[in-house]
């Protein structure tokens, strides 16, 4: 895959699944954290690759977080998502245990969040997304 293709895929993934800039009411300022949450390992793997090869992030600043259910093995899932995302287990934040839900079938992998805090990279990502929309003729 070319770097340009990866750039487009990463931008679209983030535009659809990523967290937008939001206000931190405690300090009355914006939070510029790049966060993408999903239960599909392919999406997490592709976005992690985008962060490494397009944004070229500082890997020491990336974090992973697992959202899991009572019937899933947390340690096994941390190993799984660490492998998928290329985020070391020591850089995982505390897992969130969700209540079982009988209305839909939960993912056997739980859900995973990539979190990367860097305002400059957040703004670069927003520019990439805007460029993709412009090049596609939708803005």
C-alpha atoms as a PDB file:
ATOM      1  CA  UNK A   1       0.000   0.000   0.000  1.00  0.00           C
ATOM      2  CA  UNK A   2       1.287   3.469  -0.792  1.00  0.00           C
ATOM      3  CA  UNK A   3       1.750   6.121   1.867  1.00  0.00           C
ATOM      4  CA  UNK A   4      -0.854   8.285   0.090  1.00  0.00           C
ATOM      5  CA  UNK A   5      -3.431   5.470   0.274  1.00  0.00           C
ATOM      6  CA  UNK A   6      -2.635   4.937   3.958  1.00  0.00           C
ATOM      7  CA  UNK A   7      -3.030   8.685   4.540  1.00  0.00           C
ATOM      8  CA  UNK A   8      -6.503   8.667   2.975  1.00  0.00           C
ATOM      9  CA  UNK A   9      -7.585   5.550   4.868  1.00  0.00           C
ATOM     10  CA  UNK A  10      -6.317   6.931   8.198  1.00  0.00           C
ATOM     11  CA  UNK A  11      -8.025  10.278   7.637  1.00  0.00           C
ATOM     12  CA  UNK A  12     -11.359   8.655   6.784  1.00  0.00           C
ATOM     13  CA  UNK A  13     -11.138   6.236   9.732  1.00  0.00           C
ATOM     14  CA  UNK A  14     -10.516   9.126  12.093  1.00  0.00           C
ATOM     15  CA  UNK A  15     -13.209  11.326  10.539  1.00  0.00           C
ATOM     16  CA  UNK A  16     -15.710   8.497  11.100  1.00  0.00           C
ATOM     17  CA  UNK A  17     -14.531   6.900  14.351  1.00  0.00           C
ATOM     18  CA  UNK A  18     -12.207   9.386  16.025  1.00  0.00           C
ATOM     19  CA  UNK A  19     -12.829  11.751  18.917  1.00  0.00           C
ATOM     20  CA  UNK A  20     -13.151  15.391  17.966  1.00  0.00           C
ATOM     21  CA  UNK A  21     -11.638  18.314  19.894  1.00  0.00           C
ATOM     22  CA  UNK A  22     -13.727  18.829  23.009  1.00  0.00           C
ATOM     23  CA  UNK A  23     -13.896  21.199  25.926  1.00  0.00           C
ATOM     24  CA  UNK A  24     -12.431  20.231  29.307  1.00  0.00           C
ATOM     25  CA  UNK A  25     -14.844  21.951  31.684  1.00  0.00           C
ATOM     26  CA  UNK A  26     -12.444  21.622  34.622  1.00  0.00           C
ATOM     27  CA  UNK A  27      -9.839  23.876  33.045  1.00  0.00           C
ATOM     28  CA  UNK A  28     -11.992  25.678  30.437  1.00  0.00           C
ATOM     29  CA  UNK A  29      -9.782  24.616  27.528  1.00  0.00           C
ATOM     30  CA  UNK A  30      -9.911  22.299  24.528  1.00  0.00           C
ATOM     31  CA  UNK A  31      -8.515  18.779  24.626  1.00  0.00           C
ATOM     32  CA  UNK A  32      -6.569  17.933  21.472  1.00  0.00           C
ATOM     33  CA  UNK A  33      -6.171  14.206  21.960  1.00  0.00           C
ATOM     34  CA  UNK A  34      -6.152  11.817  18.997  1.00  0.00           C
ATOM     35  CA  UNK A  35      -8.470   9.010  20.095  1.00  0.00           C
ATOM     36  CA  UNK A  36      -9.995   6.230  18.051  1.00  0.00           C
ATOM     37  CA  UNK A  37     -12.193   3.536  19.575  1.00  0.00           C
ATOM     38  CA  UNK A  38     -13.357   0.391  17.809  1.00  0.00           C
ATOM     39  CA  UNK A  39     -13.907  -3.335  18.289  1.00  0.00           C
ATOM     40  CA  UNK A  40     -12.586  -4.356  14.858  1.00  0.00           C
ATOM     41  CA  UNK A  41      -8.899  -5.364  15.010  1.00  0.00           C
ATOM     42  CA  UNK A  42      -8.390  -4.427  11.337  1.00  0.00           C
ATOM     43  CA  UNK A  43      -9.454  -0.830  12.004  1.00  0.00           C
ATOM     44  CA  UNK A  44      -7.207  -0.533  15.064  1.00  0.00           C
ATOM     45  CA  UNK A  45      -4.255  -2.064  13.195  1.00  0.00           C
ATOM     46  CA  UNK A  46      -4.722   0.212  10.178  1.00  0.00           C
ATOM     47  CA  UNK A  47      -5.021   3.352  12.317  1.00  0.00           C
ATOM     48  CA  UNK A  48      -1.941   2.389  14.330  1.00  0.00           C
ATOM     49  CA  UNK A  49      -0.039   1.974  11.061  1.00  0.00           C
ATOM     50  CA  UNK A  50      -1.303   5.410   9.941  1.00  0.00           C
ATOM     51  CA  UNK A  51      -0.045   6.975  13.191  1.00  0.00           C
ATOM     52  CA  UNK A  52       3.390   5.408  12.695  1.00  0.00           C
ATOM     53  CA  UNK A  53       3.895   5.915   8.972  1.00  0.00           C
ATOM     54  CA  UNK A  54       1.953   9.077   8.159  1.00  0.00           C
ATOM     55  CA  UNK A  55       1.817  11.162  11.343  1.00  0.00           C
ATOM     56  CA  UNK A  56       5.103   9.631  12.581  1.00  0.00           C
ATOM     57  CA  UNK A  57       4.109   9.960  16.230  1.00  0.00           C
ATOM     58  CA  UNK A  58       6.182   9.708  19.388  1.00  0.00           C
ATOM     59  CA  UNK A  59       5.366   6.117  20.436  1.00  0.00           C
ATOM     60  CA  UNK A  60       6.214   6.891  24.069  1.00  0.00           C
ATOM     61  CA  UNK A  61       3.105   9.104  24.215  1.00  0.00           C
ATOM     62  CA  UNK A  62       0.588   6.584  22.883  1.00  0.00           C
ATOM     63  CA  UNK A  63      -1.778   4.729  25.211  1.00  0.00           C
ATOM     64  CA  UNK A  64      -4.186   1.864  24.813  1.00  0.00           C
ATOM     65  CA  UNK A  65      -7.349   1.182  26.762  1.00  0.00           C
ATOM     66  CA  UNK A  66      -9.546  -1.902  26.777  1.00  0.00           C
ATOM     67  CA  UNK A  67     -13.301  -1.881  27.295  1.00  0.00           C
ATOM     68  CA  UNK A  68     -14.276  -5.397  28.268  1.00  0.00           C
ATOM     69  CA  UNK A  69     -17.185  -7.455  29.567  1.00  0.00           C
ATOM     70  CA  UNK A  70     -17.376  -9.768  32.615  1.00  0.00           C
ATOM     71  CA  UNK A  71     -17.281 -12.953  30.511  1.00  0.00           C
ATOM     72  CA  UNK A  72     -14.051 -12.017  28.659  1.00  0.00           C
ATOM     73  CA  UNK A  73     -10.483 -12.678  29.786  1.00  0.00           C
ATOM     74  CA  UNK A  74      -8.919  -9.256  30.367  1.00  0.00           C
ATOM     75  CA  UNK A  75      -5.290 -10.424  30.347  1.00  0.00           C
ATOM     76  CA  UNK A  76      -5.765 -12.383  27.134  1.00  0.00           C
ATOM     77  CA  UNK A  77      -7.415  -9.358  25.484  1.00  0.00           C
ATOM     78  CA  UNK A  78      -4.638  -7.003  26.616  1.00  0.00           C
ATOM     79  CA  UNK A  79      -2.114  -9.341  24.986  1.00  0.00           C
ATOM     80  CA  UNK A  80      -4.260  -9.478  21.854  1.00  0.00           C
ATOM     81  CA  UNK A  81      -4.728  -5.701  21.528  1.00  0.00           C
ATOM     82  CA  UNK A  82      -1.095  -4.996  22.338  1.00  0.00           C
ATOM     83  CA  UNK A  83      -0.142  -7.213  19.406  1.00  0.00           C
ATOM     84  CA  UNK A  84      -2.733  -5.672  17.073  1.00  0.00           C
ATOM     85  CA  UNK A  85      -1.977  -2.039  17.960  1.00  0.00           C
ATOM     86  CA  UNK A  86       1.761  -2.363  18.532  1.00  0.00           C
ATOM     87  CA  UNK A  87       1.297  -0.582  21.880  1.00  0.00           C
ATOM     88  CA  UNK A  88       3.326  -2.095  24.728  1.00  0.00           C
ATOM     89  CA  UNK A  89       1.188  -3.475  27.576  1.00  0.00           C
ATOM     90  CA  UNK A  90       2.937  -1.137  30.027  1.00  0.00           C
ATOM     91  CA  UNK A  91       1.385   1.774  28.078  1.00  0.00           C
ATOM     92  CA  UNK A  92      -2.167   0.527  28.601  1.00  0.00           C
ATOM     93  CA  UNK A  93      -4.450   2.498  30.860  1.00  0.00           C
ATOM     94  CA  UNK A  94      -6.804   0.868  33.333  1.00  0.00           C
ATOM     95  CA  UNK A  95      -9.374  -1.327  31.594  1.00  0.00           C
ATOM     96  CA  UNK A  96     -13.032  -0.380  31.782  1.00  0.00           C
ATOM     97  CA  UNK A  97     -15.399  -3.200  32.747  1.00  0.00           C
ATOM     98  CA  UNK A  98     -18.758  -2.816  31.007  1.00  0.00           C
ATOM     99  CA  UNK A  99     -22.017  -4.402  32.092  1.00  0.00           C
ATOM    100  CA  UNK A 100     -23.268  -7.331  30.066  1.00  0.00           C
ATOM    101  CA  UNK A 101     -25.874  -6.323  27.521  1.00  0.00           C
ATOM    102  CA  UNK A 102     -28.532  -8.784  26.401  1.00  0.00           C
ATOM    103  CA  UNK A 103     -29.796  -6.579  23.531  1.00  0.00           C
ATOM    104  CA  UNK A 104     -26.849  -7.242  21.237  1.00  0.00           C
ATOM    105  CA  UNK A 105     -23.953  -9.650  20.942  1.00  0.00           C
ATOM    106  CA  UNK A 106     -20.788  -8.140  22.400  1.00  0.00           C
ATOM    107  CA  UNK A 107     -17.521  -8.359  20.498  1.00  0.00           C
ATOM    108  CA  UNK A 108     -15.367 -11.312  21.589  1.00  0.00           C
ATOM    109  CA  UNK A 109     -12.431  -8.851  21.560  1.00  0.00           C
ATOM    110  CA  UNK A 110     -14.067  -6.193  23.701  1.00  0.00           C
ATOM    111  CA  UNK A 111     -13.486  -2.671  22.413  1.00  0.00           C
ATOM    112  CA  UNK A 112     -10.142  -0.890  22.181  1.00  0.00           C
ATOM    113  CA  UNK A 113      -9.171   2.765  22.312  1.00  0.00           C
ATOM    114  CA  UNK A 114      -5.956   4.255  20.953  1.00  0.00           C
ATOM    115  CA  UNK A 115      -5.179   7.529  22.720  1.00  0.00           C
ATOM    116  CA  UNK A 116      -2.370   9.860  21.663  1.00  0.00           C
ATOM    117  CA  UNK A 117      -2.012  13.298  23.228  1.00  0.00           C
ATOM    118  CA  UNK A 118      -0.201  15.864  21.112  1.00  0.00           C
ATOM    119  CA  UNK A 119      -1.873  19.105  20.009  1.00  0.00           C
ATOM    120  CA  UNK A 120       0.469  19.587  17.025  1.00  0.00           C
ATOM    121  CA  UNK A 121      -0.229  16.092  15.688  1.00  0.00           C
ATOM    122  CA  UNK A 122      -3.963  16.488  16.343  1.00  0.00           C
ATOM    123  CA  UNK A 123      -3.954  19.667  14.239  1.00  0.00           C
ATOM    124  CA  UNK A 124      -1.870  17.980  11.497  1.00  0.00           C
ATOM    125  CA  UNK A 125      -4.424  15.156  11.424  1.00  0.00           C
ATOM    126  CA  UNK A 126      -7.264  17.681  11.075  1.00  0.00           C
ATOM    127  CA  UNK A 127      -5.432  19.273   8.123  1.00  0.00           C
ATOM    128  CA  UNK A 128      -4.983  15.860   6.471  1.00  0.00           C
ATOM    129  CA  UNK A 129      -8.714  15.169   6.893  1.00  0.00           C
ATOM    130  CA  UNK A 130      -9.623  18.560   5.421  1.00  0.00           C
ATOM    131  CA  UNK A 131      -7.259  17.959   2.489  1.00  0.00           C
ATOM    132  CA  UNK A 132      -8.879  14.571   1.794  1.00  0.00           C
ATOM    133  CA  UNK A 133     -12.366  16.153   1.802  1.00  0.00           C
ATOM    134  CA  UNK A 134     -11.129  18.969  -0.470  1.00  0.00           C
ATOM    135  CA  UNK A 135      -9.448  16.567  -2.910  1.00  0.00           C
ATOM    136  CA  UNK A 136     -12.635  14.469  -3.005  1.00  0.00           C
ATOM    137  CA  UNK A 137     -14.618  17.601  -3.900  1.00  0.00           C
ATOM    138  CA  UNK A 138     -16.930  17.476  -0.898  1.00  0.00           C
ATOM    139  CA  UNK A 139     -15.918  20.866   0.558  1.00  0.00           C
END
